[in-house]
Every structure is written in structure tokens, then in C-alpha cells.
Amino acid sequence: MSKEITFILVIVSMAVWVMVSREAVKPSKEIDWRKMITLLSAGSLSAFVITIMLFQSL
């Protein structure tokens, strides 16, 4: 993939992880667990894709 697509994916991944951290600092009773699980899944998938892309470029 091109460097531009990789860069966009990295920015999106960073934004997802910022949202995860903001949700995680809330008190336990206020956390929307469905949102948290969705964000964690999206963040993990994006991190995995970025890792694969970086290893392929070696």
C-alpha cells in the first residue's frame, strides 16, 4: 500500500486509541461497555493491520 494510506490509517488508529483512553478514565458506572468493546476491537484491528503493513515493507 502507499505511504499516504498507511499515514491515514495511523492517524485513524491514534484517534481510536485516544477515544478508548477517554472512555477508560470514566468511573466504572458511567462507562458505555458496548462502545468500549467496539473501540477496543477497532483499535486492535487497526494496530494489527499497521503491524502487517510495516513488516511487509521491510
N, C-alpha and C. Protein backbone atom coordinates (compact mmCIF):
# COMPACT_ATOMS: atom_id res chain seq x y z
N MET A 1 0.83 -1.19 0.00
CA MET A 1 0.00 0.00 0.00
C MET A 1 0.87 1.25 0.00
N SER A 2 0.27 2.33 -0.37
CA SER A 2 1.05 3.57 -0.45
C SER A 2 1.28 4.17 0.94
N LYS A 3 2.22 5.06 0.99
CA LYS A 3 2.56 5.70 2.26
C LYS A 3 1.43 6.58 2.76
N GLU A 4 0.66 7.16 1.84
CA GLU A 4 -0.45 8.02 2.23
C GLU A 4 -1.54 7.23 2.95
N ILE A 5 -1.85 6.06 2.43
CA ILE A 5 -2.86 5.22 3.06
C ILE A 5 -2.39 4.75 4.43
N THR A 6 -1.13 4.40 4.54
CA THR A 6 -0.57 4.00 5.82
C THR A 6 -0.65 5.14 6.83
N PHE A 7 -0.31 6.34 6.38
CA PHE A 7 -0.36 7.51 7.25
C PHE A 7 -1.79 7.78 7.73
N ILE A 8 -2.76 7.69 6.84
CA ILE A 8 -4.16 7.90 7.21
C ILE A 8 -4.61 6.84 8.21
N LEU A 9 -4.23 5.59 7.99
CA LEU A 9 -4.59 4.52 8.91
C LEU A 9 -3.97 4.73 10.28
N VAL A 10 -2.75 5.22 10.33
CA VAL A 10 -2.09 5.50 11.61
C VAL A 10 -2.82 6.62 12.35
N ILE A 11 -3.22 7.66 11.65
CA ILE A 11 -3.94 8.78 12.27
C ILE A 11 -5.28 8.31 12.82
N VAL A 12 -6.00 7.50 12.03
CA VAL A 12 -7.29 6.97 12.48
C VAL A 12 -7.10 6.07 13.70
N SER A 13 -6.07 5.24 13.67
CA SER A 13 -5.79 4.36 14.79
C SER A 13 -5.48 5.16 16.06
N MET A 14 -4.70 6.21 15.92
CA MET A 14 -4.39 7.05 17.08
C MET A 14 -5.66 7.68 17.64
N ALA A 15 -6.55 8.12 16.77
CA ALA A 15 -7.80 8.73 17.23
C ALA A 15 -8.65 7.71 17.97
N VAL A 16 -8.69 6.48 17.48
CA VAL A 16 -9.46 5.42 18.15
C VAL A 16 -8.89 5.17 19.54
N TRP A 17 -7.56 5.09 19.66
CA TRP A 17 -6.96 4.82 20.96
C TRP A 17 -7.13 5.98 21.93
N VAL A 18 -7.20 7.21 21.42
CA VAL A 18 -7.49 8.36 22.29
C VAL A 18 -8.91 8.24 22.82
N MET A 19 -9.86 7.83 21.96
CA MET A 19 -11.23 7.65 22.42
C MET A 19 -11.33 6.53 23.45
N VAL A 20 -10.55 5.46 23.26
CA VAL A 20 -10.54 4.37 24.23
C VAL A 20 -10.04 4.88 25.58
N SER A 21 -8.97 5.65 25.56
CA SER A 21 -8.42 6.14 26.82
C SER A 21 -9.37 7.11 27.52
N ARG A 22 -10.07 7.92 26.75
CA ARG A 22 -11.06 8.83 27.36
C ARG A 22 -12.21 8.06 27.98
N GLU A 23 -12.62 6.99 27.33
CA GLU A 23 -13.70 6.18 27.88
C GLU A 23 -13.22 5.42 29.13
N ALA A 24 -11.96 5.03 29.13
CA ALA A 24 -11.43 4.22 30.23
C ALA A 24 -11.25 5.01 31.52
N VAL A 25 -11.08 6.32 31.44
CA VAL A 25 -10.86 7.11 32.65
C VAL A 25 -12.16 7.49 33.35
N LYS A 26 -13.28 7.18 32.74
CA LYS A 26 -14.57 7.46 33.37
C LYS A 26 -14.77 6.51 34.56
N PRO A 27 -15.58 6.91 35.52
CA PRO A 27 -15.93 5.98 36.59
C PRO A 27 -16.62 4.74 36.03
N SER A 28 -16.45 3.63 36.69
CA SER A 28 -16.92 2.35 36.18
C SER A 28 -18.42 2.34 35.85
N LYS A 29 -19.21 3.06 36.61
CA LYS A 29 -20.65 3.06 36.37
C LYS A 29 -21.04 3.86 35.14
N GLU A 30 -20.19 4.76 34.70
CA GLU A 30 -20.51 5.62 33.56
C GLU A 30 -19.98 5.09 32.23
N ILE A 31 -19.18 4.05 32.25
CA ILE A 31 -18.58 3.53 31.02
C ILE A 31 -19.65 2.84 30.19
N ASP A 32 -19.69 3.22 28.91
CA ASP A 32 -20.56 2.53 27.95
C ASP A 32 -19.77 1.33 27.42
N TRP A 33 -20.08 0.15 27.97
CA TRP A 33 -19.27 -1.04 27.68
C TRP A 33 -19.37 -1.46 26.22
N ARG A 34 -20.51 -1.24 25.59
CA ARG A 34 -20.66 -1.59 24.17
C ARG A 34 -19.73 -0.72 23.32
N LYS A 35 -19.68 0.57 23.66
CA LYS A 35 -18.78 1.49 22.96
C LYS A 35 -17.33 1.12 23.22
N MET A 36 -17.01 0.77 24.47
CA MET A 36 -15.64 0.41 24.83
C MET A 36 -15.18 -0.83 24.06
N ILE A 37 -16.01 -1.84 23.99
CA ILE A 37 -15.64 -3.07 23.28
C ILE A 37 -15.48 -2.81 21.79
N THR A 38 -16.36 -1.98 21.23
CA THR A 38 -16.25 -1.64 19.81
C THR A 38 -14.96 -0.89 19.53
N LEU A 39 -14.64 0.09 20.37
CA LEU A 39 -13.42 0.86 20.18
C LEU A 39 -12.17 -0.01 20.36
N LEU A 40 -12.19 -0.88 21.36
CA LEU A 40 -11.03 -1.76 21.57
C LEU A 40 -10.84 -2.71 20.39
N SER A 41 -11.93 -3.21 19.85
CA SER A 41 -11.84 -4.09 18.68
C SER A 41 -11.29 -3.35 17.47
N ALA A 42 -11.81 -2.14 17.24
CA ALA A 42 -11.33 -1.34 16.11
C ALA A 42 -9.86 -0.97 16.28
N GLY A 43 -9.48 -0.61 17.49
CA GLY A 43 -8.08 -0.25 17.76
C GLY A 43 -7.14 -1.43 17.60
N SER A 44 -7.55 -2.58 18.08
CA SER A 44 -6.71 -3.77 17.95
C SER A 44 -6.57 -4.18 16.49
N LEU A 45 -7.67 -4.13 15.75
CA LEU A 45 -7.62 -4.48 14.33
C LEU A 45 -6.74 -3.52 13.56
N SER A 46 -6.86 -2.23 13.84
CA SER A 46 -6.04 -1.26 13.12
C SER A 46 -4.56 -1.42 13.48
N ALA A 47 -4.26 -1.70 14.73
CA ALA A 47 -2.87 -1.92 15.13
C ALA A 47 -2.30 -3.16 14.44
N PHE A 48 -3.12 -4.20 14.33
CA PHE A 48 -2.68 -5.42 13.65
C PHE A 48 -2.40 -5.15 12.17
N VAL A 49 -3.29 -4.42 11.52
CA VAL A 49 -3.12 -4.10 10.10
C VAL A 49 -1.87 -3.24 9.89
N ILE A 50 -1.66 -2.27 10.76
CA ILE A 50 -0.47 -1.41 10.65
C ILE A 50 0.79 -2.25 10.84
N THR A 51 0.79 -3.16 11.78
CA THR A 51 1.95 -4.02 12.00
C THR A 51 2.25 -4.88 10.79
N ILE A 52 1.22 -5.47 10.20
CA ILE A 52 1.41 -6.29 9.00
C ILE A 52 1.96 -5.44 7.86
N MET A 53 1.41 -4.24 7.68
CA MET A 53 1.87 -3.35 6.61
C MET A 53 3.34 -2.97 6.81
N LEU A 54 3.73 -2.72 8.05
CA LEU A 54 5.12 -2.34 8.31
C LEU A 54 6.07 -3.51 8.06
N PHE A 55 5.67 -4.72 8.45
CA PHE A 55 6.53 -5.87 8.19
C PHE A 55 6.64 -6.18 6.71
N GLN A 56 5.58 -5.95 5.95
CA GLN A 56 5.64 -6.18 4.51
C GLN A 56 6.56 -5.20 3.81
N SER A 57 6.72 -4.01 4.39
CA SER A 57 7.58 -3.02 3.75
C SER A 57 9.06 -3.25 4.02
N LEU A 58 9.40 -4.21 4.89
CA LEU A 58 10.82 -4.50 5.18
C LEU A 58 11.48 -5.22 4.04
